[in-house]
Amino acid sequence: MKNRRIAIAEPDLSELEEANVVEAIRSTWISSNGEFLRRFEREFAAACDCQHALAVSNGTTAIHLALATLNVGPGDEVIVPSMTYIATANAVRYCGAEPVFVDVDPLTWCIDPARIEDAITPHTKGIIPVHLLGHPADMDPILEIAGMHGLWVVEDAAEATFATYRGRRVGSLGRIATFSFYGNKVLTSGEGGAVTFQDPALEQRMRMLRGQGMDPRQRYYFPIIGFNYRMTNVAAAILCGQMDRRGQILDNRRRVVSHYESRLRGIRGVEVRDDAEWATTSPWMFAVLIDAAACGVPRDELARQLEAAGIETRPMFVPIHTLPPYRGNHERRDTSLPVTDRLGHDGIMLPTHTLLSEADVDYVCDSLVAALKGRTVSPGLQRRAA
């Protein structure tokens, strides 16, 4: 084992992506038009079993574009999980609306359908279920609740590209779905995102909003205020290569996740999430919960010891309802989110990417187990823990 730092994430890029980028540059189409953009939107829509896909600049702008298309505005409320990346809530605030936080399910770590109805008010316009860490949310009861109350559903699928729910593709289930292609995602262009949808009635407004509000029938005429949320043809060129290689990328990431699960399941003080029987997950990031009462080592101390051994980790997302911009409104609602709070306190993400060998994963697991057993962790550790 080399004494090298094991990064939490690394992109999987090949000569194919490089050749596509060179082709895009030589075509001179390097901004927000070009054949790679059109190709990617066609292929990604088909891969998600959707009629339409629009490429955008990143996952955050994808959520904002979806909400703006649905006319979310001041005075509106949108139900979201608190256990998610901050962009989910921020995009609601960009519209002048208020995110209303509900707890997550202790098994899937995704929004708990049983907690949604209590959060609905006359101001509620929609629900954003987040497919957390690649695991789909339980969409059927969410869609049923939304239908009963006349609400839309926007899937935040930033972490769950190519996951399935009861045999249906994530991204095809809600009114709109949003994706991220940030550098640590399963599919990446460095920065980038997409929205997918079935209803053709949404397309013209969404395209106008994405492109500064310009009328597609009259160039440089702007009947509405829009945004510059377009993806470049160069970024799309990378994504077309990623799409061609997605089977290999997914297989290699699943290999890593499967090895983590086999090594860490059953370790005292380590809780591994089980996939629901109705879910095929996307192998984005492997995470576990650390029970300090059972193993005697708090999550943050474990992270420090792994860092000393040259292993980068990330804590689980800080629950959004505890952060300064959102804390006050949530406290006025006087609702507790115990599962979310536990995930935020005990959750840790481990290195997950295709460049990890089985020996790398063994080193991470051996180091983690050694730390939990009170042994000194050092970069030279190579043997599997007893």
Protein backbone atom coordinates (compact mmCIF):
# COMPACT_ATOMS: atom_id res chain seq x y z
CA MET A 1 0.00 0.00 0.00
CA LYS A 2 1.44 3.30 -1.08
CA ASN A 3 1.46 6.07 1.49
CA ARG A 4 -0.82 8.29 -0.57
CA ARG A 5 -3.92 10.23 0.31
CA ILE A 6 -7.15 8.49 -0.61
CA ALA A 7 -9.53 11.18 -1.85
CA ILE A 8 -13.23 11.15 -1.06
CA ALA A 9 -13.99 11.45 -4.79
CA GLU A 10 -12.18 11.48 -8.12
CA PRO A 11 -13.67 11.79 -11.61
CA ASP A 12 -13.60 8.87 -14.02
CA LEU A 13 -12.42 10.40 -17.32
CA SER A 14 -10.92 8.70 -20.34
CA GLU A 15 -9.48 9.37 -23.78
CA LEU A 16 -13.04 9.33 -25.14
CA GLU A 17 -14.04 12.41 -23.15
CA GLU A 18 -10.76 14.06 -24.12
CA ALA A 19 -11.36 13.36 -27.83
CA ASN A 20 -14.89 14.76 -27.57
CA VAL A 21 -13.61 17.97 -25.98
CA VAL A 22 -11.01 18.39 -28.73
CA GLU A 23 -13.73 17.86 -31.33
CA ALA A 24 -15.95 20.46 -29.66
CA ILE A 25 -13.11 22.98 -29.56
CA ARG A 26 -12.20 22.38 -33.20
CA SER A 27 -15.84 22.81 -34.20
CA THR A 28 -15.66 26.35 -32.67
CA TRP A 29 -18.96 25.63 -30.89
CA ILE A 30 -17.71 26.07 -27.34
CA SER A 31 -20.57 28.03 -25.74
CA SER A 32 -24.24 27.16 -25.27
CA ASN A 33 -24.94 25.66 -28.69
CA GLY A 34 -23.55 22.70 -30.59
CA GLU A 35 -24.10 19.10 -31.56
CA PHE A 36 -22.80 17.64 -28.29
CA LEU A 37 -25.46 19.57 -26.37
CA ARG A 38 -28.25 18.32 -28.62
CA ARG A 39 -26.88 14.77 -28.49
CA PHE A 40 -26.56 14.75 -24.72
CA GLU A 41 -30.09 16.04 -24.18
CA ARG A 42 -31.50 13.34 -26.48
CA GLU A 43 -29.49 10.53 -24.90
CA PHE A 44 -30.04 11.58 -21.31
CA ALA A 45 -33.81 11.94 -21.80
CA ALA A 46 -33.93 8.43 -23.25
CA ALA A 47 -31.78 7.02 -20.42
CA CYS A 48 -34.23 8.49 -17.89
CA ASP A 49 -37.30 7.26 -19.81
CA CYS A 50 -38.36 10.86 -20.32
CA GLN A 51 -39.63 12.77 -23.32
CA HIS A 52 -37.47 15.81 -22.63
CA ALA A 53 -34.15 16.79 -21.03
CA LEU A 54 -32.53 20.22 -20.87
CA ALA A 55 -28.87 20.61 -20.00
CA VAL A 56 -28.07 23.40 -17.54
CA SER A 57 -25.05 24.90 -15.82
CA ASN A 58 -25.25 22.94 -12.53
CA GLY A 59 -27.55 21.06 -10.19
CA THR A 60 -28.55 24.12 -8.18
CA THR A 61 -29.68 26.04 -11.25
CA ALA A 62 -31.57 22.92 -12.33
CA ILE A 63 -33.71 23.07 -9.17
CA HIS A 64 -34.21 26.82 -9.44
CA LEU A 65 -35.19 26.49 -13.11
CA ALA A 66 -37.72 23.78 -12.26
CA LEU A 67 -39.31 25.91 -9.52
CA ALA A 68 -39.35 29.04 -11.69
CA THR A 69 -41.01 27.07 -14.48
CA LEU A 70 -43.73 26.07 -12.00
CA ASN A 71 -44.19 29.73 -10.96
CA VAL A 72 -43.09 29.28 -7.33
CA GLY A 73 -43.00 32.70 -5.67
CA PRO A 74 -43.29 34.76 -2.48
CA GLY A 75 -45.76 33.38 0.05
CA ASP A 76 -45.48 29.83 -1.27
CA GLU A 77 -44.22 26.88 0.75
CA VAL A 78 -42.36 23.85 -0.57
CA ILE A 79 -41.91 20.67 1.47
CA VAL A 80 -38.32 19.37 1.49
CA PRO A 81 -36.20 17.08 3.64
CA SER A 82 -33.73 18.78 5.94
CA MET A 83 -31.21 15.98 5.31
CA THR A 84 -29.94 17.09 1.92
CA TYR A 85 -27.39 19.38 0.34
CA ILE A 86 -28.11 23.07 0.95
CA ALA A 87 -28.98 23.73 -2.72
CA THR A 88 -32.38 22.06 -2.34
CA ALA A 89 -33.53 24.65 0.19
CA ASN A 90 -31.62 27.57 -1.31
CA ALA A 91 -33.38 27.17 -4.65
CA VAL A 92 -36.73 27.53 -2.88
CA ARG A 93 -35.54 30.74 -1.24
CA TYR A 94 -34.26 32.06 -4.59
CA CYS A 95 -37.93 32.10 -5.63
CA GLY A 96 -38.95 34.04 -2.51
CA ALA A 97 -40.73 30.95 -1.14
CA GLU A 98 -40.17 29.09 2.11
CA PRO A 99 -38.87 25.53 2.49
CA VAL A 100 -40.78 23.49 5.07
CA PHE A 101 -38.63 20.74 6.52
CA VAL A 102 -39.82 17.23 7.34
CA ASP A 103 -37.97 14.24 8.73
CA VAL A 104 -36.50 11.35 6.76
CA ASP A 105 -37.21 7.65 6.92
CA PRO A 106 -34.76 5.76 9.21
CA LEU A 107 -34.34 2.95 6.66
CA THR A 108 -33.92 4.82 3.36
CA TRP A 109 -32.66 8.16 4.79
CA CYS A 110 -34.97 9.85 2.25
CA ILE A 111 -38.01 12.01 2.98
CA ASP A 112 -40.56 10.12 5.08
CA PRO A 113 -43.95 10.02 3.31
CA ALA A 114 -45.68 9.52 6.67
CA ARG A 115 -44.47 12.96 7.81
CA ILE A 116 -45.53 14.95 4.75
CA GLU A 117 -49.24 15.52 5.29
CA ASP A 118 -48.72 17.15 8.68
CA ALA A 119 -46.52 19.76 6.95
CA ILE A 120 -49.10 20.74 4.30
CA THR A 121 -50.75 24.14 4.69
CA PRO A 122 -52.89 26.32 2.39
CA HIS A 123 -49.59 27.86 1.20
CA THR A 124 -48.00 24.54 0.13
CA LYS A 125 -47.36 24.32 -3.61
CA GLY A 126 -45.21 21.23 -3.96
CA ILE A 127 -42.83 18.60 -2.61
CA ILE A 128 -39.16 18.03 -3.43
CA PRO A 129 -38.17 14.47 -2.49
CA VAL A 130 -34.39 14.00 -2.54
CA HIS A 131 -32.97 10.64 -3.61
CA LEU A 132 -30.29 10.79 -0.94
CA LEU A 133 -26.87 9.22 -1.53
CA GLY A 134 -28.22 7.41 -4.57
CA HIS A 135 -31.20 5.72 -2.87
CA PRO A 136 -34.63 6.57 -4.33
CA ALA A 137 -37.26 8.09 -2.11
CA ASP A 138 -40.47 6.09 -1.70
CA MET A 139 -42.24 7.87 -4.55
CA ASP A 140 -45.65 6.18 -4.84
CA PRO A 141 -47.04 7.41 -1.49
CA ILE A 142 -45.45 10.82 -2.10
CA LEU A 143 -47.15 11.10 -5.49
CA GLU A 144 -50.43 9.92 -3.96
CA ILE A 145 -50.30 12.60 -1.26
CA ALA A 146 -49.38 15.23 -3.83
CA GLY A 147 -52.31 14.22 -6.03
CA MET A 148 -54.76 14.37 -3.12
CA HIS A 149 -53.70 17.94 -2.31
CA GLY A 150 -53.12 19.28 -5.82
CA LEU A 151 -49.35 19.61 -5.36
CA TRP A 152 -46.56 19.12 -7.87
CA VAL A 153 -43.52 16.90 -7.21
CA VAL A 154 -39.99 17.82 -8.31
CA GLU A 155 -37.43 15.04 -7.85
CA ASP A 156 -34.00 16.13 -6.67
CA ALA A 157 -32.01 13.35 -8.32
CA ALA A 158 -28.61 15.06 -8.08
CA GLU A 159 -27.15 12.03 -6.27
CA ALA A 160 -29.14 9.27 -7.97
CA THR A 161 -28.46 9.28 -11.71
CA PHE A 162 -29.67 5.98 -13.24
CA ALA A 163 -31.30 4.70 -10.03
CA THR A 164 -34.68 2.98 -10.33
CA TYR A 165 -37.81 2.89 -8.16
CA ARG A 166 -40.01 -0.20 -8.56
CA GLY A 167 -38.54 -0.69 -12.02
CA ARG A 168 -39.10 2.93 -13.10
CA ARG A 169 -36.29 5.35 -13.73
CA VAL A 170 -35.55 8.06 -11.22
CA GLY A 171 -36.11 11.30 -13.11
CA SER A 172 -39.30 10.08 -14.79
CA LEU A 173 -41.56 10.03 -11.72
CA GLY A 174 -42.33 13.63 -10.80
CA ARG A 175 -43.55 16.65 -12.74
CA ILE A 176 -39.89 17.62 -13.23
CA ALA A 177 -36.62 16.06 -12.04
CA THR A 178 -33.23 17.68 -11.55
CA PHE A 179 -29.71 16.27 -11.81
CA SER A 180 -26.14 17.35 -11.01
CA PHE A 181 -22.95 16.53 -12.91
CA TYR A 182 -20.52 18.04 -10.42
CA GLY A 183 -17.03 16.56 -10.31
CA ASN A 184 -17.87 13.97 -7.63
CA LYS A 185 -21.06 12.68 -9.24
CA VAL A 186 -21.61 9.35 -11.01
CA LEU A 187 -21.81 11.22 -14.34
CA THR A 188 -19.67 14.35 -14.44
CA SER A 189 -18.71 17.33 -16.57
CA GLY A 190 -16.98 19.19 -13.73
CA GLU A 191 -19.97 21.49 -13.38
CA GLY A 192 -23.30 20.81 -15.02
CA GLY A 193 -26.85 19.69 -14.49
CA ALA A 194 -30.05 18.72 -16.24
CA VAL A 195 -33.81 18.80 -15.88
CA THR A 196 -36.02 16.00 -17.19
CA PHE A 197 -39.78 16.05 -17.74
CA GLN A 198 -42.57 14.43 -19.74
CA ASP A 199 -44.99 17.32 -20.37
CA PRO A 200 -44.21 19.18 -23.62
CA ALA A 201 -46.16 22.16 -22.31
CA LEU A 202 -43.27 22.88 -19.92
CA GLU A 203 -40.56 22.96 -22.58
CA GLN A 204 -40.94 26.43 -24.10
CA ARG A 205 -41.13 28.26 -20.77
CA MET A 206 -38.21 26.25 -19.40
CA ARG A 207 -36.04 26.94 -22.45
CA MET A 208 -36.87 30.64 -22.28
CA LEU A 209 -36.05 30.85 -18.58
CA ARG A 210 -32.78 28.99 -19.14
CA GLY A 211 -31.73 31.38 -21.92
CA GLN A 212 -32.26 34.85 -20.37
CA GLY A 213 -35.98 34.83 -21.26
CA MET A 214 -35.41 35.13 -25.02
CA ASP A 215 -38.36 34.32 -27.29
CA PRO A 216 -37.35 31.29 -29.41
CA ARG A 217 -39.35 32.68 -32.35
CA GLN A 218 -37.80 36.16 -32.22
CA ARG A 219 -34.10 36.33 -31.43
CA TYR A 220 -32.99 38.97 -28.94
CA TYR A 221 -36.56 39.73 -27.92
CA PHE A 222 -37.07 39.05 -24.19
CA PRO A 223 -40.74 38.91 -23.10
CA ILE A 224 -39.87 37.52 -19.63
CA ILE A 225 -37.02 37.80 -17.15
CA GLY A 226 -34.86 34.71 -17.39
CA PHE A 227 -31.47 33.40 -16.30
CA ASN A 228 -28.21 32.36 -17.89
CA TYR A 229 -28.42 28.71 -16.87
CA ARG A 230 -27.07 27.17 -20.07
CA MET A 231 -24.48 24.40 -20.34
CA THR A 232 -21.54 24.74 -22.72
CA ASN A 233 -20.99 22.43 -25.67
CA VAL A 234 -17.58 21.55 -24.17
CA ALA A 235 -19.20 20.32 -20.95
CA ALA A 236 -21.74 18.37 -22.99
CA ALA A 237 -18.88 16.79 -24.95
CA ILE A 238 -17.52 15.38 -21.68
CA LEU A 239 -20.97 14.12 -20.75
CA CYS A 240 -21.46 12.38 -24.10
CA GLY A 241 -18.29 10.42 -23.37
CA GLN A 242 -19.57 9.65 -19.89
CA MET A 243 -22.87 8.45 -21.31
CA ASP A 244 -21.04 6.08 -23.68
CA ARG A 245 -19.09 4.68 -20.71
CA ARG A 246 -21.85 4.75 -18.09
CA GLY A 247 -22.14 0.96 -17.83
CA GLN A 248 -18.46 0.63 -16.98
CA ILE A 249 -18.58 3.58 -14.58
CA LEU A 250 -21.61 2.21 -12.73
CA ASP A 251 -20.15 -1.31 -12.54
CA ASN A 252 -16.88 -0.04 -11.08
CA ARG A 253 -18.61 2.15 -8.50
CA ARG A 254 -20.90 -0.71 -7.50
CA ARG A 255 -17.83 -2.89 -7.03
CA VAL A 256 -16.48 -0.38 -4.51
CA VAL A 257 -19.78 -0.02 -2.65
CA SER A 258 -20.30 -3.78 -2.52
CA HIS A 259 -16.84 -4.31 -1.02
CA TYR A 260 -17.49 -1.66 1.64
CA GLU A 261 -20.75 -3.36 2.54
CA SER A 262 -19.17 -6.79 2.83
CA ARG A 263 -16.36 -5.46 5.03
CA LEU A 264 -18.34 -3.16 7.35
CA ARG A 265 -21.71 -4.81 7.77
CA GLY A 266 -21.86 -6.39 11.23
CA ILE A 267 -19.03 -4.32 12.71
CA ARG A 268 -19.99 -3.15 16.20
CA GLY A 269 -20.84 0.54 16.21
CA VAL A 270 -21.16 0.78 12.41
CA GLU A 271 -24.60 0.98 10.80
CA VAL A 272 -24.80 0.28 7.06
CA ARG A 273 -27.95 1.38 5.23
CA ASP A 274 -29.87 -1.47 3.60
CA ASP A 275 -31.36 -0.88 0.16
CA ALA A 276 -35.14 -1.13 0.03
CA GLU A 277 -36.38 -4.15 -1.92
CA TRP A 278 -38.06 -1.80 -4.42
CA ALA A 279 -34.90 0.21 -5.11
CA THR A 280 -31.94 -0.08 -7.42
CA THR A 281 -29.55 2.50 -6.06
CA SER A 282 -27.06 4.67 -7.87
CA PRO A 283 -23.59 4.11 -6.37
CA TRP A 284 -22.77 7.75 -5.65
CA MET A 285 -21.33 7.91 -2.12
CA PHE A 286 -21.02 5.20 0.52
CA ALA A 287 -21.92 6.34 4.02
CA VAL A 288 -22.35 4.73 7.42
CA LEU A 289 -23.60 5.79 10.83
CA ILE A 290 -21.23 5.60 13.78
CA ASP A 291 -22.83 4.68 17.11
CA ALA A 292 -20.45 6.21 19.63
CA ALA A 293 -22.32 4.58 22.52
CA ALA A 294 -21.62 1.15 21.03
CA CYS A 295 -18.03 1.64 19.88
CA GLY A 296 -16.76 4.44 22.14
CA VAL A 297 -15.51 6.62 19.27
CA PRO A 298 -17.56 9.65 18.10
CA ARG A 299 -17.91 10.27 14.37
CA ASP A 300 -15.73 13.38 14.35
CA GLU A 301 -12.90 11.65 16.22
CA LEU A 302 -13.07 8.78 13.73
CA ALA A 303 -12.82 11.28 10.86
CA ARG A 304 -9.74 12.85 12.46
CA GLN A 305 -8.04 9.49 12.79
CA LEU A 306 -8.83 8.54 9.20
CA GLU A 307 -7.48 11.89 8.03
CA ALA A 308 -4.25 11.17 9.90
CA ALA A 309 -4.07 7.89 7.97
CA GLY A 310 -4.37 9.74 4.67
CA ILE A 311 -8.06 9.00 4.12
CA GLU A 312 -10.40 11.84 3.23
CA THR A 313 -13.97 11.62 4.55
CA ARG A 314 -16.99 13.89 4.71
CA PRO A 315 -19.55 14.25 7.46
CA MET A 316 -23.16 13.68 6.50
CA PHE A 317 -24.90 16.88 5.43
CA VAL A 318 -25.53 19.32 8.27
CA PRO A 319 -29.32 19.33 8.75
CA ILE A 320 -30.55 22.45 6.98
CA HIS A 321 -33.10 23.30 9.68
CA THR A 322 -30.17 23.88 12.08
CA LEU A 323 -28.34 26.35 9.81
CA PRO A 324 -28.59 30.12 10.45
CA PRO A 325 -30.55 31.09 7.31
CA TYR A 326 -33.30 28.54 8.08
CA ARG A 327 -33.20 27.95 11.82
CA GLY A 328 -35.67 30.65 12.84
CA ASN A 329 -38.54 29.64 10.58
CA HIS A 330 -38.19 26.00 11.53
CA GLU A 331 -38.12 26.74 15.26
CA ARG A 332 -41.39 28.68 14.91
CA ARG A 333 -43.02 25.52 13.54
CA ASP A 334 -41.97 23.56 16.65
CA THR A 335 -41.42 20.24 14.85
CA SER A 336 -38.67 17.78 15.72
CA LEU A 337 -36.66 15.86 13.13
CA PRO A 338 -34.98 13.13 15.19
CA VAL A 339 -33.85 10.88 12.33
CA THR A 340 -32.39 13.83 10.45
CA ASP A 341 -30.60 15.01 13.58
CA ARG A 342 -29.10 11.56 14.13
CA LEU A 343 -27.87 11.28 10.54
CA GLY A 344 -26.31 14.71 10.79
CA HIS A 345 -24.58 13.82 14.05
CA ASP A 346 -23.41 10.28 13.30
CA GLY A 347 -23.15 9.96 9.51
CA ILE A 348 -19.81 9.79 7.68
CA MET A 349 -19.13 9.41 3.95
CA LEU A 350 -16.19 7.28 2.87
CA PRO A 351 -14.13 7.52 -0.35
CA THR A 352 -16.25 6.33 -3.27
CA HIS A 353 -14.99 6.43 -6.84
CA THR A 354 -13.89 4.14 -9.65
CA LEU A 355 -10.16 4.64 -9.13
CA LEU A 356 -10.25 2.79 -5.80
CA SER A 357 -8.83 -0.71 -5.84
CA GLU A 358 -10.01 -3.49 -3.55
CA ALA A 359 -6.82 -2.93 -1.56
CA ASP A 360 -7.72 0.76 -1.17
CA VAL A 361 -11.14 -0.12 0.21
CA ASP A 362 -9.56 -2.69 2.52
CA TYR A 363 -7.18 -0.02 3.78
CA VAL A 364 -10.07 2.35 4.52
CA CYS A 365 -12.02 -0.38 6.30
CA ASP A 366 -9.00 -1.66 8.24
CA SER A 367 -8.21 1.88 9.35
CA LEU A 368 -11.80 2.50 10.40
CA VAL A 369 -12.00 -0.73 12.39
CA ALA A 370 -8.63 -0.05 14.02
CA ALA A 371 -9.80 3.39 15.12
CA LEU A 372 -13.01 1.96 16.56
CA LYS A 373 -10.98 -0.59 18.52
CA GLY A 374 -8.75 2.12 19.96
CA ARG A 375 -5.66 1.21 17.98
CA THR A 376 -3.42 3.85 16.43
CA VAL A 377 -4.13 4.36 12.74
CA SER A 378 -1.14 5.11 10.54
CA PRO A 379 -0.59 5.45 6.79
CA GLY A 380 1.46 2.25 6.82
CA LEU A 381 -1.44 0.00 7.88
CA GLN A 382 -1.86 -2.74 5.28
CA ARG A 383 -3.19 -5.88 6.92
CA ARG A 384 -6.88 -6.56 7.24
CA ALA A 385 -8.18 -6.04 10.75
CA ALA A 386 -8.86 -9.15 12.78
